[in-house]
Every structure is written in C-alpha cells, then in structure tokens.
C-alpha cells in the first residue's frame, strides 16, 4: 500500500496538468519555449506516474484496467472483472 502522501501528490500533479493544459498547448503552438519554462514543473504531463486505483502501487500497473498486477490477479480470480477468467488447461 502506497503512502497517502504519495497518492495525494499524484492527484495534485494531475490537477495542475489539467489546469495548465490549454495554456501549455497554446504556448507550444506559438513556439514560445521561454513561456513554457515559466510554467510550474508539475504542469508537465511527463511528471505524472500511473498508480493502481486501489492500492496506489506504482509498479506492475496495467493500463487497460487501472490496477496493479497483484490487485488484478486477486480480482480476476474472484470473478470481479467482467470478461476475465483464470486460464486452466
């Protein structure tokens, strides 16, 4: 389980990216790189990191489901994810 402060930091970054998205796109279209540098660091989408929606785990993230591999395996085994079942042969 990730620390609450780490989860909160990611949420804060996402809000900042959303806030400055239009301004960032306009500056990029104009080619105003000095203006881009004056934006806050966390306004850059590159600084975002994918985290599991349940546990906040940053590694082993599955984009399609928004879960870490561990939570995905548990939920798939219990039949909580539609269309996913454990393979056995």
N, C-alpha and C. Protein backbone atom coordinates (compact mmCIF):
# COMPACT_ATOMS: atom_id res chain seq x y z
N UNK A 1 0.85 -1.18 0.00
CA UNK A 1 0.00 0.00 0.00
C UNK A 1 0.89 1.23 0.00
N UNK A 2 0.62 2.12 -0.93
CA UNK A 2 1.40 3.35 -1.04
C UNK A 2 1.02 4.31 0.09
N UNK A 3 1.96 5.18 0.42
CA UNK A 3 1.68 6.19 1.43
C UNK A 3 0.63 7.15 0.90
N UNK A 4 -0.19 7.64 1.80
CA UNK A 4 -1.25 8.57 1.40
C UNK A 4 -0.65 9.85 0.81
N UNK A 5 0.53 10.25 1.29
CA UNK A 5 1.15 11.46 0.77
C UNK A 5 1.55 11.30 -0.69
N UNK A 6 1.96 10.09 -1.07
CA UNK A 6 2.34 9.84 -2.46
C UNK A 6 1.11 9.87 -3.37
N UNK A 7 0.02 9.28 -2.89
CA UNK A 7 -1.22 9.31 -3.66
C UNK A 7 -1.71 10.75 -3.83
N UNK A 8 -1.65 11.52 -2.75
CA UNK A 8 -2.09 12.91 -2.78
C UNK A 8 -1.23 13.74 -3.74
N UNK A 9 0.06 13.46 -3.76
CA UNK A 9 0.98 14.19 -4.65
C UNK A 9 0.62 13.94 -6.11
N UNK A 10 0.28 12.69 -6.44
CA UNK A 10 -0.11 12.37 -7.81
C UNK A 10 -1.41 13.07 -8.19
N UNK A 11 -2.36 13.13 -7.26
CA UNK A 11 -3.63 13.81 -7.53
C UNK A 11 -3.38 15.29 -7.76
N UNK A 12 -2.51 15.87 -6.95
CA UNK A 12 -2.17 17.30 -7.08
C UNK A 12 -1.53 17.58 -8.43
N UNK A 13 -0.63 16.70 -8.86
CA UNK A 13 0.02 16.87 -10.16
C UNK A 13 -0.99 16.78 -11.29
N UNK A 14 -1.92 15.83 -11.17
CA UNK A 14 -2.93 15.66 -12.23
C UNK A 14 -3.80 16.91 -12.35
N UNK A 15 -4.16 17.50 -11.22
CA UNK A 15 -4.96 18.73 -11.25
C UNK A 15 -4.20 19.86 -11.92
N UNK A 16 -2.90 19.96 -11.63
CA UNK A 16 -2.09 21.02 -12.21
C UNK A 16 -1.92 20.83 -13.72
N UNK A 17 -1.75 19.58 -14.15
CA UNK A 17 -1.63 19.29 -15.58
C UNK A 17 -2.92 19.70 -16.29
N UNK A 18 -4.06 19.36 -15.69
CA UNK A 18 -5.35 19.72 -16.29
C UNK A 18 -5.54 21.24 -16.34
N UNK A 19 -5.11 21.91 -15.29
CA UNK A 19 -5.27 23.37 -15.19
C UNK A 19 -4.50 24.10 -16.29
N UNK A 20 -3.27 23.66 -16.55
CA UNK A 20 -2.39 24.36 -17.49
C UNK A 20 -2.38 23.74 -18.89
N UNK A 21 -3.22 22.76 -19.17
CA UNK A 21 -3.18 22.06 -20.46
C UNK A 21 -3.43 23.01 -21.64
N UNK A 22 -4.45 23.84 -21.52
CA UNK A 22 -4.77 24.75 -22.64
C UNK A 22 -3.66 25.78 -22.84
N UNK A 23 -3.18 26.34 -21.76
CA UNK A 23 -2.12 27.35 -21.84
C UNK A 23 -0.85 26.73 -22.42
N UNK A 24 -0.56 25.51 -21.98
CA UNK A 24 0.63 24.79 -22.45
C UNK A 24 0.54 24.53 -23.96
N UNK A 25 -0.64 24.10 -24.42
CA UNK A 25 -0.83 23.83 -25.84
C UNK A 25 -0.68 25.10 -26.68
N UNK A 26 -1.21 26.22 -26.17
CA UNK A 26 -1.10 27.48 -26.90
C UNK A 26 0.35 27.93 -27.00
N UNK A 27 1.09 27.84 -25.90
CA UNK A 27 2.50 28.23 -25.91
C UNK A 27 3.31 27.34 -26.85
N UNK A 28 2.98 26.06 -26.86
CA UNK A 28 3.70 25.13 -27.73
C UNK A 28 3.41 25.43 -29.20
N UNK A 29 2.17 25.77 -29.51
CA UNK A 29 1.79 26.08 -30.89
C UNK A 29 2.51 27.33 -31.38
N UNK A 30 2.70 28.30 -30.50
CA UNK A 30 3.40 29.53 -30.86
C UNK A 30 4.91 29.33 -30.94
N UNK A 31 5.40 28.26 -30.31
CA UNK A 31 6.84 28.03 -30.25
C UNK A 31 7.50 28.86 -29.17
N UNK A 32 6.72 29.29 -28.19
CA UNK A 32 7.25 30.11 -27.08
C UNK A 32 7.80 29.21 -25.98
N UNK A 33 9.04 28.79 -26.16
CA UNK A 33 9.66 27.86 -25.21
C UNK A 33 10.05 28.54 -23.91
N UNK A 34 10.30 29.81 -23.95
CA UNK A 34 10.61 30.55 -22.71
C UNK A 34 9.35 30.63 -21.85
N UNK A 35 8.21 30.84 -22.49
CA UNK A 35 6.93 30.84 -21.77
C UNK A 35 6.63 29.48 -21.16
N UNK A 36 6.98 28.42 -21.88
CA UNK A 36 6.78 27.07 -21.35
C UNK A 36 7.64 26.84 -20.11
N UNK A 37 8.85 27.36 -20.14
CA UNK A 37 9.75 27.18 -18.99
C UNK A 37 9.25 27.90 -17.75
N UNK A 38 8.46 28.93 -17.95
CA UNK A 38 7.96 29.71 -16.81
C UNK A 38 6.76 29.03 -16.13
N UNK A 39 6.17 28.03 -16.79
CA UNK A 39 5.08 27.28 -16.16
C UNK A 39 5.64 26.44 -15.01
N UNK A 40 4.80 26.07 -14.04
CA UNK A 40 5.29 25.21 -12.95
C UNK A 40 5.76 23.86 -13.47
N UNK A 41 6.73 23.28 -12.78
CA UNK A 41 7.27 21.98 -13.19
C UNK A 41 6.19 20.91 -13.24
N UNK A 42 5.33 20.90 -12.24
CA UNK A 42 4.31 19.86 -12.16
C UNK A 42 3.18 20.04 -13.18
N UNK A 43 3.24 21.09 -13.99
CA UNK A 43 2.24 21.29 -15.04
C UNK A 43 2.57 20.44 -16.27
N UNK A 44 3.72 19.81 -16.27
CA UNK A 44 4.12 18.98 -17.39
C UNK A 44 3.54 17.57 -17.23
N UNK A 45 2.87 17.05 -18.27
CA UNK A 45 2.28 15.71 -18.16
C UNK A 45 3.32 14.60 -18.03
N UNK A 46 4.56 14.89 -18.37
CA UNK A 46 5.61 13.89 -18.26
C UNK A 46 5.88 13.50 -16.80
N UNK A 47 5.56 14.40 -15.89
CA UNK A 47 5.83 14.15 -14.47
C UNK A 47 4.77 13.27 -13.80
N UNK A 48 3.71 12.95 -14.53
CA UNK A 48 2.68 12.06 -13.97
C UNK A 48 3.18 10.62 -13.97
N UNK A 49 2.70 9.86 -13.01
CA UNK A 49 3.07 8.46 -12.91
C UNK A 49 1.81 7.65 -12.68
N UNK A 50 1.63 6.58 -13.44
CA UNK A 50 0.45 5.74 -13.27
C UNK A 50 0.52 4.98 -11.95
N UNK A 51 -0.59 4.96 -11.23
CA UNK A 51 -0.68 4.23 -9.96
C UNK A 51 -1.97 3.42 -9.93
N UNK A 52 -1.92 2.31 -9.22
CA UNK A 52 -3.09 1.46 -9.04
C UNK A 52 -4.19 2.26 -8.34
N UNK A 53 -5.43 2.12 -8.82
CA UNK A 53 -6.56 2.86 -8.24
C UNK A 53 -6.89 2.37 -6.84
N UNK A 54 -6.59 1.11 -6.53
CA UNK A 54 -6.93 0.56 -5.22
C UNK A 54 -5.81 0.72 -4.20
N UNK A 55 -4.62 0.29 -4.58
CA UNK A 55 -3.53 0.26 -3.60
C UNK A 55 -2.55 1.42 -3.74
N UNK A 56 -2.51 2.06 -4.91
CA UNK A 56 -1.56 3.14 -5.14
C UNK A 56 -0.19 2.65 -5.56
N UNK A 57 -0.07 1.36 -5.84
CA UNK A 57 1.21 0.78 -6.23
C UNK A 57 1.66 1.34 -7.58
N UNK A 58 2.91 1.84 -7.67
CA UNK A 58 3.38 2.46 -8.92
C UNK A 58 3.94 1.47 -9.93
N UNK A 59 4.33 0.29 -9.48
CA UNK A 59 4.94 -0.68 -10.40
C UNK A 59 3.96 -1.80 -10.71
N UNK A 60 4.13 -2.42 -11.86
CA UNK A 60 3.25 -3.51 -12.26
C UNK A 60 1.86 -3.01 -12.58
N UNK A 61 1.76 -1.82 -13.17
CA UNK A 61 0.49 -1.18 -13.47
C UNK A 61 -0.03 -1.67 -14.81
N UNK A 62 -1.31 -2.05 -14.86
CA UNK A 62 -1.94 -2.48 -16.11
C UNK A 62 -2.88 -1.38 -16.58
N UNK A 63 -2.51 -0.71 -17.67
CA UNK A 63 -3.24 0.46 -18.15
C UNK A 63 -4.70 0.18 -18.47
N UNK A 64 -4.96 -0.95 -19.08
CA UNK A 64 -6.31 -1.27 -19.53
C UNK A 64 -7.30 -1.32 -18.36
N UNK A 65 -6.82 -1.72 -17.20
CA UNK A 65 -7.70 -1.88 -16.04
C UNK A 65 -7.46 -0.84 -14.94
N UNK A 66 -6.33 -0.16 -14.97
CA UNK A 66 -6.03 0.84 -13.95
C UNK A 66 -5.66 0.22 -12.62
N UNK A 67 -5.19 -1.02 -12.66
CA UNK A 67 -4.86 -1.77 -11.45
C UNK A 67 -3.43 -2.29 -11.52
N UNK A 68 -2.87 -2.59 -10.35
CA UNK A 68 -1.58 -3.26 -10.32
C UNK A 68 -1.80 -4.73 -10.64
N UNK A 69 -0.74 -5.42 -10.98
CA UNK A 69 -0.83 -6.83 -11.35
C UNK A 69 -1.37 -7.67 -10.20
N UNK A 70 -1.04 -7.29 -8.97
CA UNK A 70 -1.46 -8.05 -7.80
C UNK A 70 -2.97 -7.93 -7.59
N UNK A 71 -3.48 -6.70 -7.60
CA UNK A 71 -4.92 -6.49 -7.44
C UNK A 71 -5.69 -7.07 -8.62
N UNK A 72 -5.13 -6.97 -9.82
CA UNK A 72 -5.77 -7.55 -10.99
C UNK A 72 -5.94 -9.05 -10.82
N UNK A 73 -4.89 -9.72 -10.37
CA UNK A 73 -4.93 -11.18 -10.21
C UNK A 73 -5.96 -11.60 -9.16
N UNK A 74 -5.99 -10.87 -8.06
CA UNK A 74 -6.96 -11.18 -7.00
C UNK A 74 -8.39 -11.00 -7.50
N UNK A 75 -8.64 -9.87 -8.14
CA UNK A 75 -10.00 -9.58 -8.62
C UNK A 75 -10.42 -10.54 -9.74
N UNK A 76 -9.49 -10.88 -10.63
CA UNK A 76 -9.81 -11.80 -11.72
C UNK A 76 -10.12 -13.18 -11.15
N UNK A 77 -9.40 -13.60 -10.14
CA UNK A 77 -9.64 -14.91 -9.52
C UNK A 77 -10.99 -14.98 -8.85
N UNK A 78 -11.46 -13.86 -8.33
CA UNK A 78 -12.77 -13.81 -7.67
C UNK A 78 -13.91 -13.55 -8.66
N UNK A 79 -13.55 -13.30 -9.92
CA UNK A 79 -14.57 -13.04 -10.94
C UNK A 79 -15.16 -11.65 -10.88
N UNK A 80 -14.40 -10.68 -10.35
CA UNK A 80 -14.90 -9.32 -10.22
C UNK A 80 -14.67 -8.45 -11.45
N UNK A 81 -13.85 -8.94 -12.38
CA UNK A 81 -13.58 -8.19 -13.60
C UNK A 81 -14.32 -8.87 -14.75
N UNK A 82 -15.28 -8.18 -15.37
CA UNK A 82 -16.08 -8.79 -16.44
C UNK A 82 -15.21 -9.20 -17.63
N UNK A 83 -15.43 -10.39 -18.12
CA UNK A 83 -14.73 -10.89 -19.30
C UNK A 83 -13.38 -11.49 -19.02
N UNK A 84 -12.96 -11.51 -17.77
CA UNK A 84 -11.65 -12.07 -17.42
C UNK A 84 -11.87 -13.30 -16.55
N UNK A 85 -11.22 -14.40 -16.93
CA UNK A 85 -11.26 -15.59 -16.07
C UNK A 85 -9.89 -16.24 -16.07
N UNK A 86 -9.62 -16.99 -15.05
CA UNK A 86 -8.31 -17.62 -14.90
C UNK A 86 -8.19 -18.77 -15.91
N UNK A 87 -7.08 -18.81 -16.58
CA UNK A 87 -6.84 -19.87 -17.55
C UNK A 87 -6.42 -21.14 -16.83
N UNK A 88 -6.97 -22.25 -17.26
CA UNK A 88 -6.51 -23.55 -16.73
C UNK A 88 -6.67 -24.57 -17.83
N UNK A 89 -5.65 -25.35 -18.04
CA UNK A 89 -5.68 -26.38 -19.07
C UNK A 89 -4.88 -27.58 -18.66
